[in-house]
């Protein structure tokens, strides 16, 4: 019986949500802060890590291109005392790796 009443009443009800006095704005809702799903938070942190590592590797590439081997920091591969040549191969490899990581970070952000 209740189902039949609903079927009879439903076609006559207002579907646009307008009030009886002609107000066409509809109901307003107040939204509070929303949390991201765990998968989106994981993607954001992964994007951040990829971008930061990419920038760090580009800075390291610049150091390899700008400083001779004897002026490189001691923890850099290729640091040799008394050698004035540049380590271009190290710079190219770290630059390419930095660009790849930045591209991966941008790609992760677009998904």
Protein backbone atom coordinates (compact mmCIF):
# COMPACT_ATOMS: atom_id res chain seq x y z
CA UNK A 1 0.00 0.00 0.00
CA UNK A 2 2.79 2.41 0.86
CA UNK A 3 4.50 1.77 -2.47
CA UNK A 4 1.36 2.58 -4.39
CA UNK A 5 0.97 5.83 -2.47
CA UNK A 6 4.53 6.83 -3.36
CA UNK A 7 3.94 6.09 -7.03
CA UNK A 8 0.81 8.19 -7.03
CA UNK A 9 2.39 11.10 -5.16
CA UNK A 10 5.83 11.10 -6.80
CA UNK A 11 4.79 12.41 -10.26
CA UNK A 12 3.25 15.48 -8.67
CA UNK A 13 6.22 16.43 -6.49
CA UNK A 14 8.65 19.16 -7.44
CA UNK A 15 11.94 17.85 -8.81
CA UNK A 16 13.90 21.10 -9.10
CA UNK A 17 14.10 21.75 -5.35
CA UNK A 18 12.48 25.19 -5.62
CA UNK A 19 10.62 26.57 -2.65
CA UNK A 20 6.88 27.21 -2.78
CA UNK A 21 7.33 31.01 -2.79
CA UNK A 22 9.16 31.01 -6.14
CA UNK A 23 12.75 31.00 -4.86
CA UNK A 24 14.77 29.34 -7.63
CA UNK A 25 18.13 29.18 -5.80
CA UNK A 26 17.46 25.79 -4.32
CA UNK A 27 18.76 24.41 -1.05
CA UNK A 28 22.16 25.54 0.12
CA UNK A 29 24.63 23.23 1.78
CA UNK A 30 27.62 24.08 3.91
CA UNK A 31 30.66 21.92 3.30
CA UNK A 32 33.38 21.43 5.83
CA UNK A 33 36.98 20.46 5.16
CA UNK A 34 37.15 17.30 3.12
CA UNK A 35 39.83 14.67 3.37
CA UNK A 36 41.46 13.21 0.32
CA UNK A 37 41.25 9.50 -0.23
CA UNK A 38 44.41 7.61 0.76
CA UNK A 39 45.32 6.91 -2.87
CA UNK A 40 45.35 10.64 -3.71
CA UNK A 41 47.50 11.42 -0.68
CA UNK A 42 49.97 8.74 -1.75
CA UNK A 43 50.12 10.16 -5.27
CA UNK A 44 50.72 13.65 -3.93
CA UNK A 45 53.61 12.55 -1.75
CA UNK A 46 55.09 10.50 -4.61
CA UNK A 47 54.81 13.50 -6.93
CA UNK A 48 56.57 15.66 -4.35
CA UNK A 49 59.41 13.14 -3.92
CA UNK A 50 59.90 12.81 -7.68
CA UNK A 51 59.98 16.58 -8.19
CA UNK A 52 62.40 17.17 -5.31
CA UNK A 53 64.79 14.45 -6.48
CA UNK A 54 64.62 15.83 -10.01
CA UNK A 55 65.54 19.33 -8.86
CA UNK A 56 68.37 18.01 -6.66
CA UNK A 57 69.81 16.04 -9.58
CA UNK A 58 69.64 19.10 -11.84
CA UNK A 59 71.56 21.11 -9.24
CA UNK A 60 74.16 18.33 -9.02
CA UNK A 61 74.43 18.37 -12.83
CA UNK A 62 75.10 22.12 -12.71
CA UNK A 63 77.82 21.58 -10.09
CA UNK A 64 79.51 18.99 -12.32
CA UNK A 65 79.41 21.37 -15.30
CA UNK A 66 80.65 24.41 -13.39
CA UNK A 67 83.36 23.08 -11.05
CA UNK A 68 86.59 21.26 -11.91
CA UNK A 69 87.31 17.89 -10.29
CA UNK A 70 89.51 19.31 -7.53
CA UNK A 71 86.82 21.78 -6.40
CA UNK A 72 83.98 19.26 -6.22
CA UNK A 73 82.70 18.40 -2.74
CA UNK A 74 84.48 15.38 -1.27
CA UNK A 75 81.39 13.18 -1.26
CA UNK A 76 80.78 13.65 -5.02
CA UNK A 77 82.00 10.85 -7.28
CA UNK A 78 84.88 12.15 -9.38
CA UNK A 79 86.47 14.36 -6.74
CA UNK A 80 90.22 14.25 -7.34
CA UNK A 81 92.77 16.58 -5.76
CA UNK A 82 94.96 18.42 -8.26
CA UNK A 83 92.87 17.54 -11.32
CA UNK A 84 91.45 20.56 -13.16
CA UNK A 85 89.32 18.83 -15.78
CA UNK A 86 85.53 18.79 -15.70
CA UNK A 87 83.42 15.65 -15.34
CA UNK A 88 80.95 16.18 -18.16
CA UNK A 89 79.70 12.59 -18.24
CA UNK A 90 78.69 12.76 -14.57
CA UNK A 91 76.86 16.01 -15.28
CA UNK A 92 75.06 14.61 -18.32
CA UNK A 93 73.92 11.50 -16.47
CA UNK A 94 72.64 13.42 -13.44
CA UNK A 95 70.96 16.01 -15.69
CA UNK A 96 69.15 13.37 -17.73
CA UNK A 97 68.08 11.54 -14.57
CA UNK A 98 66.81 14.84 -13.11
CA UNK A 99 64.77 15.60 -16.23
CA UNK A 100 63.31 12.08 -16.24
CA UNK A 101 62.29 12.40 -12.58
CA UNK A 102 60.72 15.82 -13.16
CA UNK A 103 58.80 14.45 -16.14
CA UNK A 104 57.60 11.52 -14.01
CA UNK A 105 56.46 13.96 -11.31
CA UNK A 106 54.52 16.03 -13.84
CA UNK A 107 52.98 12.87 -15.31
CA UNK A 108 51.92 11.71 -11.82
CA UNK A 109 50.27 15.10 -11.27
CA UNK A 110 48.18 14.81 -14.44
CA UNK A 111 46.68 11.41 -13.62
